[in-house]
Amino acid sequence: MARVIVDVMLKPEILDPQGQAIARALPRLGFSGVAAVRQGKRFEVELDGPADDAALEEVRKMAETLLANTVIEDYSVRVEG
């Protein structure tokens, strides 16, 4: 059994209003030194078998089909542990 992580983030050229709201709130909460915040999503996919090349390709297909909107989001796939 393996765990694969899919991180999804808005593409750099896409405006991130939620990230901007977080960045504006941080100083009000006493945090300083933060220039910018980008908000994203993390998916943990538990596989029945090993995270071999075929399984990782299936996870990439999942990301392209359902987990990420590839028009406005980028994604990365990595094996945890």
PDB file of N, CA and C in Angstrom:
ATOM      1  N   MET A   1       0.860  -1.172   0.000  1.00  0.00           N
ATOM      2  CA  MET A   1       0.000   0.000   0.000  1.00  0.00           C
ATOM      3  C   MET A   1       0.905   1.233   0.000  1.00  0.00           C
ATOM      4  N   ALA A   2       0.530   2.207  -0.798  1.00  0.00           N
ATOM      5  CA  ALA A   2       1.314   3.434  -0.898  1.00  0.00           C
ATOM      6  C   ALA A   2       0.384   4.639  -0.833  1.00  0.00           C
ATOM      7  N   ARG A   3       0.938   5.747  -0.385  1.00  0.00           N
ATOM      8  CA  ARG A   3       0.196   7.008  -0.350  1.00  0.00           C
ATOM      9  C   ARG A   3       0.844   7.968  -1.340  1.00  0.00           C
ATOM     10  N   VAL A   4       0.005   8.517  -2.221  1.00  0.00           N
ATOM     11  CA  VAL A   4       0.465   9.484  -3.215  1.00  0.00           C
ATOM     12  C   VAL A   4      -0.204  10.820  -2.908  1.00  0.00           C
ATOM     13  N   ILE A   5       0.581  11.880  -2.942  1.00  0.00           N
ATOM     14  CA  ILE A   5       0.090  13.224  -2.652  1.00  0.00           C
ATOM     15  C   ILE A   5      -0.035  13.991  -3.961  1.00  0.00           C
ATOM     16  N   VAL A   6      -1.194  14.611  -4.156  1.00  0.00           N
ATOM     17  CA  VAL A   6      -1.412  15.494  -5.301  1.00  0.00           C
ATOM     18  C   VAL A   6      -1.630  16.899  -4.739  1.00  0.00           C
ATOM     19  N   ASP A   7      -0.706  17.796  -5.051  1.00  0.00           N
ATOM     20  CA  ASP A   7      -0.831  19.196  -4.651  1.00  0.00           C
ATOM     21  C   ASP A   7      -1.338  19.989  -5.843  1.00  0.00           C
ATOM     22  N   VAL A   8      -2.379  20.785  -5.629  1.00  0.00           N
ATOM     23  CA  VAL A   8      -2.992  21.579  -6.688  1.00  0.00           C
ATOM     24  C   VAL A   8      -2.910  23.052  -6.285  1.00  0.00           C
ATOM     25  N   MET A   9      -2.365  23.872  -7.176  1.00  0.00           N
ATOM     26  CA  MET A   9      -2.240  25.312  -6.922  1.00  0.00           C
ATOM     27  C   MET A   9      -2.711  26.079  -8.152  1.00  0.00           C
ATOM     28  N   LEU A  10      -3.262  27.266  -7.899  1.00  0.00           N
ATOM     29  CA  LEU A  10      -3.592  28.137  -9.018  1.00  0.00           C
ATOM     30  C   LEU A  10      -2.322  28.475  -9.782  1.00  0.00           C
ATOM     31  N   LYS A  11      -2.436  28.583 -11.090  1.00  0.00           N
ATOM     32  CA  LYS A  11      -1.279  28.998 -11.889  1.00  0.00           C
ATOM     33  C   LYS A  11      -0.854  30.398 -11.444  1.00  0.00           C
ATOM     34  N   PRO A  12       0.438  30.713 -11.556  1.00  0.00           N
ATOM     35  CA  PRO A  12       0.932  32.004 -11.054  1.00  0.00           C
ATOM     36  C   PRO A  12       0.219  33.220 -11.641  1.00  0.00           C
ATOM     37  N   GLU A  13      -0.241  33.127 -12.876  1.00  0.00           N
ATOM     38  CA  GLU A  13      -0.882  34.275 -13.517  1.00  0.00           C
ATOM     39  C   GLU A  13      -2.353  34.443 -13.136  1.00  0.00           C
ATOM     40  N   ILE A  14      -2.897  33.497 -12.362  1.00  0.00           N
ATOM     41  CA  ILE A  14      -4.299  33.547 -11.949  1.00  0.00           C
ATOM     42  C   ILE A  14      -4.405  34.256 -10.591  1.00  0.00           C
ATOM     43  N   LEU A  15      -5.301  35.220 -10.503  1.00  0.00           N
ATOM     44  CA  LEU A  15      -5.536  35.952  -9.263  1.00  0.00           C
ATOM     45  C   LEU A  15      -6.033  34.995  -8.180  1.00  0.00           C
ATOM     46  N   ASP A  16      -5.508  35.148  -6.965  1.00  0.00           N
ATOM     47  CA  ASP A  16      -5.877  34.295  -5.843  1.00  0.00           C
ATOM     48  C   ASP A  16      -6.475  35.153  -4.728  1.00  0.00           C
ATOM     49  N   PRO A  17      -7.779  35.477  -4.809  1.00  0.00           N
ATOM     50  CA  PRO A  17      -8.374  36.348  -3.802  1.00  0.00           C
ATOM     51  C   PRO A  17      -8.353  35.752  -2.395  1.00  0.00           C
ATOM     52  N   GLN A  18      -8.475  34.447  -2.259  1.00  0.00           N
ATOM     53  CA  GLN A  18      -8.439  33.845  -0.931  1.00  0.00           C
ATOM     54  C   GLN A  18      -7.041  33.980  -0.323  1.00  0.00           C
ATOM     55  N   GLY A  19      -6.018  33.751  -1.122  1.00  0.00           N
ATOM     56  CA  GLY A  19      -4.656  33.938  -0.648  1.00  0.00           C
ATOM     57  C   GLY A  19      -4.389  35.382  -0.262  1.00  0.00           C
ATOM     58  N   GLN A  20      -4.918  36.320  -1.041  1.00  0.00           N
ATOM     59  CA  GLN A  20      -4.741  37.736  -0.726  1.00  0.00           C
ATOM     60  C   GLN A  20      -5.449  38.102   0.582  1.00  0.00           C
ATOM     61  N   ALA A  21      -6.633  37.558   0.797  1.00  0.00           N
ATOM     62  CA  ALA A  21      -7.361  37.825   2.043  1.00  0.00           C
ATOM     63  C   ALA A  21      -6.582  37.288   3.245  1.00  0.00           C
ATOM     64  N   ILE A  22      -5.993  36.114   3.099  1.00  0.00           N
ATOM     65  CA  ILE A  22      -5.185  35.546   4.181  1.00  0.00           C
ATOM     66  C   ILE A  22      -3.971  36.434   4.441  1.00  0.00           C
ATOM     67  N   ALA A  23      -3.309  36.874   3.375  1.00  0.00           N
ATOM     68  CA  ALA A  23      -2.125  37.731   3.529  1.00  0.00           C
ATOM     69  C   ALA A  23      -2.475  39.034   4.244  1.00  0.00           C
ATOM     70  N   ARG A  24      -3.638  39.589   3.953  1.00  0.00           N
ATOM     71  CA  ARG A  24      -4.053  40.834   4.619  1.00  0.00           C
ATOM     72  C   ARG A  24      -4.423  40.592   6.080  1.00  0.00           C
ATOM     73  N   ALA A  25      -4.933  39.409   6.403  1.00  0.00           N
ATOM     74  CA  ALA A  25      -5.352  39.111   7.767  1.00  0.00           C
ATOM     75  C   ALA A  25      -4.173  38.817   8.696  1.00  0.00           C
ATOM     76  N   LEU A  26      -3.101  38.286   8.169  1.00  0.00           N
ATOM     77  CA  LEU A  26      -1.983  37.877   9.020  1.00  0.00           C
ATOM     78  C   LEU A  26      -1.424  39.015   9.877  1.00  0.00           C
ATOM     79  N   PRO A  27      -1.161  40.210   9.317  1.00  0.00           N
ATOM     80  CA  PRO A  27      -0.652  41.289  10.184  1.00  0.00           C
ATOM     81  C   PRO A  27      -1.634  41.669  11.295  1.00  0.00           C
ATOM     82  N   ARG A  28      -2.924  41.615  11.016  1.00  0.00           N
ATOM     83  CA  ARG A  28      -3.920  41.926  12.046  1.00  0.00           C
ATOM     84  C   ARG A  28      -3.889  40.913  13.181  1.00  0.00           C
ATOM     85  N   LEU A  29      -3.410  39.718  12.883  1.00  0.00           N
ATOM     86  CA  LEU A  29      -3.322  38.660  13.893  1.00  0.00           C
ATOM     87  C   LEU A  29      -1.948  38.609  14.551  1.00  0.00           C
ATOM     88  N   GLY A  30      -1.094  39.576  14.215  1.00  0.00           N
ATOM     89  CA  GLY A  30       0.208  39.654  14.859  1.00  0.00           C
ATOM     90  C   GLY A  30       1.348  38.986  14.127  1.00  0.00           C
ATOM     91  N   PHE A  31       1.110  38.505  12.911  1.00  0.00           N
ATOM     92  CA  PHE A  31       2.170  37.865  12.129  1.00  0.00           C
ATOM     93  C   PHE A  31       2.771  38.886  11.176  1.00  0.00           C
ATOM     94  N   SER A  32       4.091  38.876  11.053  1.00  0.00           N
ATOM     95  CA  SER A  32       4.748  39.836  10.162  1.00  0.00           C
ATOM     96  C   SER A  32       5.729  39.106   9.256  1.00  0.00           C
ATOM     97  N   GLY A  33       6.208  39.821   8.248  1.00  0.00           N
ATOM     98  CA  GLY A  33       7.229  39.271   7.367  1.00  0.00           C
ATOM     99  C   GLY A  33       6.700  38.395   6.247  1.00  0.00           C
ATOM    100  N   VAL A  34       5.398  38.389   6.011  1.00  0.00           N
ATOM    101  CA  VAL A  34       4.820  37.578   4.934  1.00  0.00           C
ATOM    102  C   VAL A  34       4.537  38.484   3.750  1.00  0.00           C
ATOM    103  N   ALA A  35       5.185  38.211   2.632  1.00  0.00           N
ATOM    104  CA  ALA A  35       5.017  39.044   1.439  1.00  0.00           C
ATOM    105  C   ALA A  35       3.772  38.658   0.642  1.00  0.00           C
ATOM    106  N   ALA A  36       3.456  37.364   0.583  1.00  0.00           N
ATOM    107  CA  ALA A  36       2.309  36.913  -0.210  1.00  0.00           C
ATOM    108  C   ALA A  36       1.894  35.522   0.252  1.00  0.00           C
ATOM    109  N   VAL A  37       0.651  35.176  -0.023  1.00  0.00           N
ATOM    110  CA  VAL A  37       0.111  33.847   0.290  1.00  0.00           C
ATOM    111  C   VAL A  37      -0.636  33.351  -0.939  1.00  0.00           C
ATOM    112  N   ARG A  38      -0.433  32.091  -1.297  1.00  0.00           N
ATOM    113  CA  ARG A  38      -1.203  31.425  -2.346  1.00  0.00           C
ATOM    114  C   ARG A  38      -1.900  30.243  -1.681  1.00  0.00           C
ATOM    115  N   GLN A  39      -3.180  30.087  -1.932  1.00  0.00           N
ATOM    116  CA  GLN A  39      -3.977  29.023  -1.345  1.00  0.00           C
ATOM    117  C   GLN A  39      -4.093  27.890  -2.355  1.00  0.00           C
ATOM    118  N   GLY A  40      -4.036  26.642  -1.873  1.00  0.00           N
ATOM    119  CA  GLY A  40      -4.139  25.500  -2.774  1.00  0.00           C
ATOM    120  C   GLY A  40      -4.887  24.352  -2.129  1.00  0.00           C
ATOM    121  N   LYS A  41      -4.802  23.182  -2.772  1.00  0.00           N
ATOM    122  CA  LYS A  41      -5.475  21.976  -2.288  1.00  0.00           C
ATOM    123  C   LYS A  41      -4.466  20.839  -2.231  1.00  0.00           C
ATOM    124  N   ARG A  42      -4.678  19.913  -1.302  1.00  0.00           N
ATOM    125  CA  ARG A  42      -3.843  18.722  -1.181  1.00  0.00           C
ATOM    126  C   ARG A  42      -4.766  17.509  -1.144  1.00  0.00           C
ATOM    127  N   PHE A  43      -4.458  16.531  -1.967  1.00  0.00           N
ATOM    128  CA  PHE A  43      -5.208  15.275  -1.992  1.00  0.00           C
ATOM    129  C   PHE A  43      -4.254  14.148  -1.620  1.00  0.00           C
ATOM    130  N   GLU A  44      -4.694  13.256  -0.737  1.00  0.00           N
ATOM    131  CA  GLU A  44      -3.938  12.064  -0.378  1.00  0.00           C
ATOM    132  C   GLU A  44      -4.660  10.864  -0.972  1.00  0.00           C
ATOM    133  N   VAL A  45      -3.977  10.159  -1.856  1.00  0.00           N
ATOM    134  CA  VAL A  45      -4.563   9.011  -2.550  1.00  0.00           C
ATOM    135  C   VAL A  45      -3.874   7.749  -2.038  1.00  0.00           C
ATOM    136  N   GLU A  46      -4.640   6.878  -1.393  1.00  0.00           N
ATOM    137  CA  GLU A  46      -4.115   5.604  -0.906  1.00  0.00           C
ATOM    138  C   GLU A  46      -4.281   4.566  -2.019  1.00  0.00           C
ATOM    139  N   LEU A  47      -3.180   3.962  -2.421  1.00  0.00           N
ATOM    140  CA  LEU A  47      -3.210   2.948  -3.466  1.00  0.00           C
ATOM    141  C   LEU A  47      -3.264   1.557  -2.850  1.00  0.00           C
ATOM    142  N   ASP A  48      -3.893   0.620  -3.555  1.00  0.00           N
ATOM    143  CA  ASP A  48      -3.945  -0.763  -3.084  1.00  0.00           C
ATOM    144  C   ASP A  48      -2.580  -1.432  -3.161  1.00  0.00           C
ATOM    145  N   GLY A  49      -1.801  -1.045  -4.154  1.00  0.00           N
ATOM    146  CA  GLY A  49      -0.498  -1.671  -4.365  1.00  0.00           C
ATOM    147  C   GLY A  49       0.619  -0.650  -4.293  1.00  0.00           C
ATOM    148  N   PRO A  50       1.742  -0.975  -4.908  1.00  0.00           N
ATOM    149  CA  PRO A  50       2.892  -0.067  -4.872  1.00  0.00           C
ATOM    150  C   PRO A  50       2.689   1.135  -5.795  1.00  0.00           C
ATOM    151  N   ALA A  51       3.443   2.181  -5.507  1.00  0.00           N
ATOM    152  CA  ALA A  51       3.385   3.404  -6.327  1.00  0.00           C
ATOM    153  C   ALA A  51       4.396   3.282  -7.460  1.00  0.00           C
ATOM    154  N   ASP A  52       4.136   2.335  -8.357  1.00  0.00           N
ATOM    155  CA  ASP A  52       5.031   2.162  -9.506  1.00  0.00           C
ATOM    156  C   ASP A  52       4.647   3.151 -10.604  1.00  0.00           C
ATOM    157  N   ASP A  53       5.351   3.111 -11.723  1.00  0.00           N
ATOM    158  CA  ASP A  53       5.105   4.074 -12.797  1.00  0.00           C
ATOM    159  C   ASP A  53       3.670   4.024 -13.310  1.00  0.00           C
ATOM    160  N   ALA A  54       3.109   2.835 -13.443  1.00  0.00           N
ATOM    161  CA  ALA A  54       1.735   2.709 -13.942  1.00  0.00           C
ATOM    162  C   ALA A  54       0.733   3.325 -12.965  1.00  0.00           C
ATOM    163  N   ALA A  55       0.938   3.090 -11.671  1.00  0.00           N
ATOM    164  CA  ALA A  55       0.032   3.649 -10.668  1.00  0.00           C
ATOM    165  C   ALA A  55       0.126   5.168 -10.632  1.00  0.00           C
ATOM    166  N   LEU A  56       1.349   5.692 -10.722  1.00  0.00           N
ATOM    167  CA  LEU A  56       1.521   7.147 -10.723  1.00  0.00           C
ATOM    168  C   LEU A  56       0.896   7.777 -11.953  1.00  0.00           C
ATOM    169  N   GLU A  57       0.952   7.089 -13.077  1.00  0.00           N
ATOM    170  CA  GLU A  57       0.309   7.603 -14.284  1.00  0.00           C
ATOM    171  C   GLU A  57      -1.205   7.654 -14.098  1.00  0.00           C
ATOM    172  N   GLU A  58      -1.773   6.665 -13.415  1.00  0.00           N
ATOM    173  CA  GLU A  58      -3.208   6.672 -13.117  1.00  0.00           C
ATOM    174  C   GLU A  58      -3.564   7.849 -12.207  1.00  0.00           C
ATOM    175  N   VAL A  59      -2.735   8.136 -11.218  1.00  0.00           N
ATOM    176  CA  VAL A  59      -2.990   9.268 -10.336  1.00  0.00           C
ATOM    177  C   VAL A  59      -2.910  10.572 -11.120  1.00  0.00           C
ATOM    178  N   ARG A  60      -1.958  10.677 -12.052  1.00  0.00           N
ATOM    179  CA  ARG A  60      -1.880  11.875 -12.906  1.00  0.00           C
ATOM    180  C   ARG A  60      -3.158  12.038 -13.735  1.00  0.00           C
ATOM    181  N   LYS A  61      -3.701  10.926 -14.234  1.00  0.00           N
ATOM    182  CA  LYS A  61      -4.961  10.983 -14.985  1.00  0.00           C
ATOM    183  C   LYS A  61      -6.098  11.445 -14.077  1.00  0.00           C
ATOM    184  N   MET A  62      -6.105  10.972 -12.817  1.00  0.00           N
ATOM    185  CA  MET A  62      -7.112  11.426 -11.849  1.00  0.00           C
ATOM    186  C   MET A  62      -7.010  12.927 -11.661  1.00  0.00           C
ATOM    187  N   ALA A  63      -5.790  13.413 -11.521  1.00  0.00           N
ATOM    188  CA  ALA A  63      -5.574  14.846 -11.310  1.00  0.00           C
ATOM    189  C   ALA A  63      -6.071  15.644 -12.507  1.00  0.00           C
ATOM    190  N   GLU A  64      -5.745  15.201 -13.704  1.00  0.00           N
ATOM    191  CA  GLU A  64      -6.153  15.915 -14.920  1.00  0.00           C
ATOM    192  C   GLU A  64      -7.663  15.863 -15.134  1.00  0.00           C
ATOM    193  N   THR A  65      -8.290  14.754 -14.729  1.00  0.00           N
ATOM    194  CA  THR A  65      -9.704  14.555 -14.981  1.00  0.00           C
ATOM    195  C   THR A  65     -10.607  15.172 -13.916  1.00  0.00           C
ATOM    196  N   LEU A  66     -10.207  15.074 -12.644  1.00  0.00           N
ATOM    197  CA  LEU A  66     -11.109  15.453 -11.564  1.00  0.00           C
ATOM    198  C   LEU A  66     -10.507  16.392 -10.520  1.00  0.00           C
ATOM    199  N   LEU A  67      -9.285  16.149 -10.117  1.00  0.00           N
ATOM    200  CA  LEU A  67      -8.738  16.855  -8.964  1.00  0.00           C
ATOM    201  C   LEU A  67      -8.317  18.290  -9.264  1.00  0.00           C
ATOM    202  N   ALA A  68      -7.876  18.555 -10.488  1.00  0.00           N
ATOM    203  CA  ALA A  68      -7.397  19.894 -10.847  1.00  0.00           C
ATOM    204  C   ALA A  68      -8.131  20.400 -12.077  1.00  0.00           C
ATOM    205  N   ASN A  69      -8.386  21.686 -12.097  1.00  0.00           N
ATOM    206  CA  ASN A  69      -8.883  22.359 -13.295  1.00  0.00           C
ATOM    207  C   ASN A  69      -7.645  22.869 -14.024  1.00  0.00           C
ATOM    208  N   THR A  70      -7.175  22.105 -14.991  1.00  0.00           N
ATOM    209  CA  THR A  70      -5.884  22.395 -15.611  1.00  0.00           C
ATOM    210  C   THR A  70      -5.869  23.676 -16.438  1.00  0.00           C
ATOM    211  N   VAL A  71      -7.014  24.288 -16.632  1.00  0.00           N
ATOM    212  CA  VAL A  71      -7.040  25.581 -17.308  1.00  0.00           C
ATOM    213  C   VAL A  71      -6.455  26.658 -16.396  1.00  0.00           C
ATOM    214  N   ILE A  72      -6.759  26.567 -15.104  1.00  0.00           N
ATOM    215  CA  ILE A  72      -6.308  27.608 -14.175  1.00  0.00           C
ATOM    216  C   ILE A  72      -5.413  27.079 -13.057  1.00  0.00           C
ATOM    217  N   GLU A  73      -5.223  25.750 -12.977  1.00  0.00           N
ATOM    218  CA  GLU A  73      -4.445  25.176 -11.888  1.00  0.00           C
ATOM    219  C   GLU A  73      -3.332  24.285 -12.414  1.00  0.00           C
ATOM    220  N   ASP A  74      -2.220  24.271 -11.674  1.00  0.00           N
ATOM    221  CA  ASP A  74      -1.133  23.310 -11.887  1.00  0.00           C
ATOM    222  C   ASP A  74      -1.217  22.271 -10.794  1.00  0.00           C
ATOM    223  N   TYR A  75      -0.643  21.100 -11.039  1.00  0.00           N
ATOM    224  CA  TYR A  75      -0.626  20.069 -10.012  1.00  0.00           C
ATOM    225  C   TYR A  75       0.706  19.363 -10.027  1.00  0.00           C
ATOM    226  N   SER A  76       1.042  18.749  -8.896  1.00  0.00           N
ATOM    227  CA  SER A  76       2.230  17.905  -8.810  1.00  0.00           C
ATOM    228  C   SER A  76       1.838  16.627  -8.087  1.00  0.00           C
ATOM    229  N   VAL A  77       2.505  15.546  -8.439  1.00  0.00           N
ATOM    230  CA  VAL A  77       2.241  14.225  -7.873  1.00  0.00           C
ATOM    231  C   VAL A  77       3.528  13.726  -7.252  1.00  0.00           C
ATOM    232  N   ARG A  78       3.436  13.257  -5.996  1.00  0.00           N
ATOM    233  CA  ARG A  78       4.617  12.703  -5.340  1.00  0.00           C
ATOM    234  C   ARG A  78       4.204  11.574  -4.400  1.00  0.00           C
ATOM    235  N   VAL A  79       5.116  10.672  -4.184  1.00  0.00           N
ATOM    236  CA  VAL A  79       4.878   9.547  -3.281  1.00  0.00           C
ATOM    237  C   VAL A  79       5.318   9.981  -1.890  1.00  0.00           C
ATOM    238  N   GLU A  80       4.478   9.763  -0.903  1.00  0.00           N
ATOM    239  CA  GLU A  80       4.811  10.119   0.476  1.00  0.00           C
ATOM    240  C   GLU A  80       5.564   8.976   1.128  1.00  0.00           C
ATOM    241  N   GLY A  81       6.613   9.335   1.838  1.00  0.00           N
ATOM    242  CA  GLY A  81       7.390   8.319   2.564  1.00  0.00           C
ATOM    243  C   GLY A  81       8.292   7.663   1.658  1.00  0.00           C
TER     244      GLY A  81
END
